Amino acid sequence: MSLVSAIIVSYRNEEMTCKYVNQELSKCPEVDHIVIVNNGATKESNDNLHTSIPNSEISTGNEYNGSKVIILYNGDNQGFARGNNQGTYFVERFIHSKYILFSNDDIIINDTDVISHLINRRANDNSIGCFAPKILKPDGNTQGPFTYWSLWKRYMLYTIYPISMRWAPNLLKKRNEKRSKQLVSGFYNTLVGCFFMVELSDYIRVGMMDNSTFLYREEEILAERMKAIGKRCYYEDSVSVTHLGGQSSYKESKRQYNFVNQIIRDSDIIYYHKYMKYPLWEIYLAQKAQQIICKFLG
């Protein structure tokens, strides 16, 4: 039986995906299969992945020839949740791994025993649904985990954070450094989606990620689904990976920035209305208030 299948949703980033599979995931012997969901794929991108990654094959999702690395072809960009669910369907159908590792391709593995450590922690506590190591940002501070953010707290932070980035970056840096030092292993409301694990049977049981989201809030929604079966999110501080991304939003063009913000707002509506039972009018009010304040402050 397979122990761990890693699922990577890749979008027009073959070079980084290949580097991650060949140089980083290879540090983790517990990962015996890797499924790359190639969103927005072309024949050229599939071929580039296939020729650059040893022991790999290209699949439509309906066939499997036994390779360690499977490249699933998606002509359209179906988003993060659908991509991960597609990879999980493949694992469930053909590979039957006990655990799934959901991972971005912009990850550096700092501790080669990170997977075994997480598996041992999960094996000792059946109440753990999602589990993840310390996620470091390039500056050495942690990214997540998170307590629950109410609707109004989230939109207050949406308003304050860009202002702090512009006018008080040193104060924000000190705050992040202080928080990083205070984090300890334990249960939190939500983990960071760039690198975390689940037991396959738990993930199937809760209905996987919500396909109605394109990007963002997948972690919060999955946490709520895990709670429904008595499972929680566990953060392990003793082992770590580094997430190279997660800080690019404010460096993009204004058009890209607005596009990303719209995706976030759409996902917030799904999370807060469908799962946290906020009325739609209150969600729209919070979003509109945040937009007006940010526009006023420039």
Protein backbone atom coordinates (compact mmCIF):
# COMPACT_ATOMS: atom_id res chain seq x y z
CA MET A 1 0.00 0.00 0.00
CA SER A 2 1.23 3.50 -0.84
CA LEU A 3 2.01 5.64 2.19
CA VAL A 4 1.93 9.24 0.91
CA SER A 5 0.86 10.76 -2.39
CA ALA A 6 1.74 14.41 -2.91
CA ILE A 7 -0.65 16.50 -5.00
CA ILE A 8 0.68 19.63 -6.69
CA VAL A 9 -1.59 21.98 -8.60
CA SER A 10 0.64 23.62 -11.20
CA TYR A 11 -0.37 26.54 -13.40
CA ARG A 12 1.98 27.41 -16.26
CA ASN A 13 5.03 27.04 -14.07
CA GLU A 14 6.75 23.89 -15.31
CA GLU A 15 10.26 24.99 -14.37
CA MET A 16 9.45 25.54 -10.71
CA THR A 17 7.31 22.40 -10.55
CA CYS A 18 10.12 20.28 -11.98
CA LYS A 19 12.65 21.79 -9.59
CA TYR A 20 10.40 21.14 -6.61
CA VAL A 21 9.73 17.51 -7.54
CA ASN A 22 13.33 16.70 -8.42
CA GLN A 23 15.16 18.65 -5.72
CA GLU A 24 12.80 19.10 -2.77
CA LEU A 25 10.21 16.31 -2.62
CA SER A 26 13.00 13.84 -3.33
CA LYS A 27 14.25 14.63 0.20
CA CYS A 28 11.14 12.93 1.62
CA PRO A 29 11.28 9.12 1.13
CA GLU A 30 7.77 8.70 2.54
CA VAL A 31 6.33 10.41 -0.56
CA ASP A 32 6.11 7.44 -2.91
CA HIS A 33 3.77 8.96 -5.51
CA ILE A 34 3.34 12.48 -6.88
CA VAL A 35 0.34 13.73 -8.83
CA ILE A 36 0.87 16.97 -10.75
CA VAL A 37 -2.41 18.54 -11.80
CA ASN A 38 -1.34 20.64 -14.77
CA ASN A 39 -3.93 23.41 -14.91
CA GLY A 40 -4.10 25.44 -18.13
CA ALA A 41 -1.93 22.77 -19.73
CA THR A 42 -0.67 22.63 -23.29
CA LYS A 43 0.97 19.70 -25.05
CA GLU A 44 4.26 21.53 -24.74
CA SER A 45 3.93 22.03 -20.97
CA ASN A 46 2.97 18.39 -20.47
CA ASP A 47 5.95 17.26 -22.52
CA ASN A 48 8.28 19.60 -20.61
CA LEU A 49 7.16 18.13 -17.29
CA HIS A 50 7.37 14.57 -18.60
CA THR A 51 10.88 14.89 -20.04
CA SER A 52 12.24 16.81 -17.02
CA ILE A 53 10.91 14.50 -14.29
CA PRO A 54 12.17 10.91 -14.13
CA ASN A 55 9.71 8.01 -13.81
CA SER A 56 6.74 10.12 -14.91
CA GLU A 57 3.76 9.66 -17.20
CA ILE A 58 1.02 11.83 -18.68
CA SER A 59 -2.54 10.76 -17.93
CA THR A 60 -6.04 11.98 -18.69
CA GLY A 61 -7.06 10.65 -15.28
CA ASN A 62 -8.56 7.45 -16.66
CA GLU A 63 -5.39 5.39 -17.02
CA TYR A 64 -2.32 4.61 -14.94
CA ASN A 65 0.80 2.70 -15.96
CA GLY A 66 2.60 2.54 -12.62
CA SER A 67 4.93 5.56 -12.69
CA LYS A 68 5.89 7.39 -9.50
CA VAL A 69 4.92 10.79 -10.96
CA ILE A 70 1.63 11.29 -12.78
CA ILE A 71 0.92 14.43 -14.81
CA LEU A 72 -2.80 15.06 -15.14
CA TYR A 73 -3.75 17.12 -18.16
CA ASN A 74 -6.16 20.03 -17.61
CA GLY A 75 -6.64 22.26 -20.63
CA ASP A 76 -8.49 24.80 -18.48
CA ASN A 77 -7.45 26.38 -15.20
CA GLN A 78 -10.00 24.82 -12.87
CA GLY A 79 -8.64 26.41 -9.72
CA PHE A 80 -7.02 25.18 -6.54
CA ALA A 81 -9.88 23.20 -4.96
CA ARG A 82 -10.94 21.38 -8.12
CA GLY A 83 -7.33 20.65 -9.00
CA ASN A 84 -6.60 19.09 -5.62
CA ASN A 85 -9.83 17.13 -5.71
CA GLN A 86 -9.02 15.85 -9.20
CA GLY A 87 -5.65 14.65 -7.94
CA THR A 88 -7.31 12.99 -4.96
CA TYR A 89 -9.80 11.15 -7.17
CA PHE A 90 -6.85 9.74 -9.10
CA VAL A 91 -5.07 8.62 -5.92
CA GLU A 92 -8.25 7.03 -4.57
CA ARG A 93 -8.91 5.20 -7.83
CA PHE A 94 -5.44 3.93 -8.71
CA ILE A 95 -2.88 4.39 -5.90
CA HIS A 96 -4.78 4.03 -2.59
CA SER A 97 -2.35 6.01 -0.44
CA LYS A 98 -3.00 6.28 3.28
CA TYR A 99 -2.08 9.98 3.38
CA ILE A 100 -2.26 12.94 1.02
CA LEU A 101 0.20 15.82 1.04
CA PHE A 102 -1.19 18.97 -0.58
CA SER A 103 1.72 21.16 -1.61
CA ASN A 104 2.58 24.22 -3.64
CA ASP A 105 5.64 23.97 -5.87
CA ASP A 106 7.34 27.02 -4.32
CA ILE A 107 8.39 25.13 -1.18
CA ILE A 108 11.82 24.43 0.33
CA ILE A 109 11.99 21.34 2.55
CA ASN A 110 14.03 22.39 5.60
CA ASP A 111 13.72 19.13 7.57
CA THR A 112 13.95 15.85 5.68
CA ASP A 113 11.92 14.11 8.41
CA VAL A 114 9.03 16.56 8.10
CA ILE A 115 6.64 13.98 6.60
CA SER A 116 7.51 11.16 9.00
CA HIS A 117 7.20 13.55 11.94
CA LEU A 118 3.74 14.67 10.85
CA ILE A 119 2.59 11.09 10.23
CA ASN A 120 3.74 10.02 13.70
CA ARG A 121 1.87 12.93 15.26
CA ARG A 122 -1.30 12.00 13.37
CA ALA A 123 -0.96 8.32 14.29
CA ASN A 124 -0.93 9.24 17.98
CA ASP A 125 -4.09 11.38 17.86
CA ASN A 126 -7.13 10.34 15.86
CA SER A 127 -8.78 13.74 16.42
CA ILE A 128 -6.30 15.33 13.99
CA GLY A 129 -7.86 15.98 10.58
CA CYS A 130 -5.44 18.35 8.83
CA PHE A 131 -1.83 18.60 9.95
CA ALA A 132 1.06 20.80 8.91
CA PRO A 133 4.58 21.84 9.92
CA LYS A 134 5.85 25.32 10.60
CA ILE A 135 5.60 27.36 7.38
CA LEU A 136 8.38 29.92 7.15
CA LYS A 137 8.37 32.96 4.89
CA PRO A 138 11.62 34.00 3.20
CA ASP A 139 12.18 36.57 5.96
CA GLY A 140 12.18 33.81 8.59
CA ASN A 141 8.80 34.65 10.11
CA THR A 142 5.97 32.16 10.13
CA GLN A 143 2.98 32.06 7.80
CA GLY A 144 -0.02 30.89 9.81
CA PRO A 145 -1.48 28.98 11.51
CA PHE A 146 -4.58 31.01 12.29
CA THR A 147 -7.29 31.37 14.88
CA TYR A 148 -10.83 32.00 13.67
CA TRP A 149 -11.38 35.38 12.05
CA SER A 150 -14.91 36.70 12.13
CA LEU A 151 -16.20 38.50 9.05
CA TRP A 152 -15.63 41.97 10.49
CA LYS A 153 -12.22 41.13 11.91
CA ARG A 154 -11.10 39.86 8.51
CA TYR A 155 -12.26 42.96 6.67
CA MET A 156 -10.75 45.23 9.30
CA LEU A 157 -7.42 43.46 8.72
CA TYR A 158 -7.91 43.72 4.94
CA THR A 159 -8.14 47.48 5.50
CA ILE A 160 -5.27 47.85 7.97
CA TYR A 161 -2.68 45.58 6.33
CA PRO A 162 -2.10 47.54 3.08
CA ILE A 163 -1.91 50.77 5.08
CA SER A 164 0.61 49.20 7.47
CA MET A 165 2.66 47.89 4.54
CA ARG A 166 2.88 51.42 3.20
CA TRP A 167 3.19 53.60 6.30
CA ALA A 168 4.50 51.38 9.11
CA PRO A 169 6.46 48.46 7.63
CA ASN A 170 8.88 48.28 10.57
CA LEU A 171 6.04 48.11 13.08
CA LEU A 172 4.39 45.36 11.05
CA LYS A 173 7.69 43.48 10.86
CA LYS A 174 8.12 43.60 14.64
CA ARG A 175 4.57 42.40 15.14
CA ASN A 176 5.18 39.44 12.82
CA GLU A 177 8.44 38.59 14.55
CA LYS A 178 6.75 38.64 17.96
CA ARG A 179 3.92 36.39 16.77
CA SER A 180 6.37 33.92 15.22
CA LYS A 181 8.18 33.52 18.54
CA GLN A 182 4.92 32.93 20.41
CA LEU A 183 3.61 30.09 18.24
CA VAL A 184 3.68 26.60 19.74
CA SER A 185 2.59 23.18 18.53
CA GLY A 186 -1.11 22.55 18.99
CA PHE A 187 -4.58 22.87 17.55
CA TYR A 188 -5.58 25.94 15.55
CA ASN A 189 -8.64 26.89 13.54
CA THR A 190 -6.89 26.92 10.17
CA LEU A 191 -3.58 25.88 8.62
CA VAL A 192 -1.83 27.35 5.59
CA GLY A 193 -2.77 25.61 2.35
CA CYS A 194 0.67 25.65 0.74
CA PHE A 195 1.86 22.49 2.57
CA PHE A 196 -0.37 20.28 4.72
CA MET A 197 -1.49 16.68 5.05
CA VAL A 198 -4.68 14.70 5.56
CA GLU A 199 -5.56 11.05 5.85
CA LEU A 200 -7.18 10.06 2.56
CA SER A 201 -10.17 8.40 4.23
CA ASP A 202 -10.91 11.55 6.28
CA TYR A 203 -10.64 13.76 3.22
CA ILE A 204 -13.02 11.58 1.22
CA ARG A 205 -15.42 11.35 4.13
CA VAL A 206 -15.82 15.13 4.49
CA GLY A 207 -16.40 15.64 0.76
CA MET A 208 -12.92 17.04 0.02
CA MET A 209 -12.45 20.75 -0.79
CA ASP A 210 -15.40 22.84 -1.94
CA ASN A 211 -15.34 22.95 -5.75
CA SER A 212 -17.29 26.21 -5.76
CA THR A 213 -14.16 28.11 -4.69
CA PHE A 214 -11.57 28.97 -7.33
CA LEU A 215 -8.83 30.19 -5.01
CA TYR A 216 -8.65 31.21 -1.30
CA ARG A 217 -10.63 30.02 1.75
CA GLU A 218 -10.12 26.35 0.84
CA GLU A 219 -8.29 25.81 4.14
CA GLU A 220 -10.99 27.44 6.26
CA ILE A 221 -13.75 25.53 4.50
CA LEU A 222 -11.91 22.22 4.85
CA ALA A 223 -11.39 22.95 8.54
CA GLU A 224 -15.15 23.42 8.98
CA ARG A 225 -15.84 20.19 7.12
CA MET A 226 -13.35 18.36 9.35
CA LYS A 227 -15.03 19.77 12.46
CA ALA A 228 -18.27 18.17 11.32
CA ILE A 229 -16.70 14.72 11.81
CA GLY A 230 -14.90 15.64 15.03
CA LYS A 231 -11.50 16.39 13.47
CA ARG A 232 -9.24 19.40 14.08
CA CYS A 233 -6.25 21.16 12.52
CA TYR A 234 -2.87 20.49 14.12
CA TYR A 235 0.26 22.62 13.76
CA GLU A 236 3.67 21.06 14.45
CA ASP A 237 6.29 23.64 15.34
CA SER A 238 9.32 21.32 15.53
CA VAL A 239 9.75 20.77 11.76
CA SER A 240 9.46 23.31 8.96
CA VAL A 241 9.33 24.16 5.29
CA THR A 242 9.85 27.54 3.65
CA HIS A 243 7.18 29.01 1.39
CA LEU A 244 8.82 31.23 -1.20
CA GLY A 245 5.53 32.79 -2.33
CA GLY A 246 2.68 34.32 -0.41
CA GLN A 247 4.09 37.86 -0.55
CA SER A 248 3.64 38.76 -4.21
CA SER A 249 0.15 40.27 -4.24
CA TYR A 250 1.33 43.80 -3.53
CA LYS A 251 3.98 43.62 -6.25
CA GLU A 252 1.54 42.87 -9.05
CA SER A 253 -0.02 45.33 -11.46
CA LYS A 254 -3.15 47.13 -10.34
CA ARG A 255 -5.22 45.05 -12.75
CA GLN A 256 -3.86 41.78 -11.33
CA TYR A 257 -4.28 43.10 -7.79
CA ASN A 258 -7.95 43.93 -8.41
CA PHE A 259 -8.51 40.54 -10.04
CA VAL A 260 -7.05 38.69 -7.05
CA ASN A 261 -9.11 40.81 -4.63
CA GLN A 262 -12.28 39.91 -6.51
CA ILE A 263 -11.44 36.21 -6.22
CA ILE A 264 -10.89 36.68 -2.48
CA ARG A 265 -14.23 38.47 -2.06
CA ASP A 266 -16.05 35.73 -4.00
CA SER A 267 -14.48 33.04 -1.81
CA ASP A 268 -15.31 35.02 1.34
CA ILE A 269 -18.97 35.01 0.33
CA ILE A 270 -18.93 31.22 0.01
CA TYR A 271 -17.11 30.69 3.31
CA TYR A 272 -18.95 33.16 5.49
CA HIS A 273 -22.44 32.57 4.04
CA LYS A 274 -22.42 28.82 3.37
CA TYR A 275 -20.31 27.70 6.32
CA MET A 276 -20.37 30.43 8.97
CA LYS A 277 -24.02 31.39 8.31
CA TYR A 278 -23.55 35.13 7.88
CA PRO A 279 -26.40 36.74 5.91
CA LEU A 280 -25.42 37.88 2.44
CA TRP A 281 -26.31 41.50 3.16
CA GLU A 282 -23.82 41.64 6.05
CA ILE A 283 -21.03 40.17 3.91
CA TYR A 284 -21.70 42.68 1.12
CA LEU A 285 -21.78 45.50 3.69
CA ALA A 286 -18.38 44.50 5.11
CA GLN A 287 -16.88 44.25 1.63
CA LYS A 288 -18.29 47.59 0.52
CA ALA A 289 -17.14 49.34 3.69
CA GLN A 290 -13.60 48.00 3.21
CA GLN A 291 -13.54 49.15 -0.43
CA ILE A 292 -14.74 52.67 0.46
CA ILE A 293 -12.23 53.09 3.29
CA CYS A 294 -9.31 51.84 1.18
CA LYS A 295 -10.30 54.11 -1.70
CA PHE A 296 -10.56 57.10 0.65
CA LEU A 297 -7.14 56.40 2.15
CA GLY A 298 -5.59 55.89 -1.26
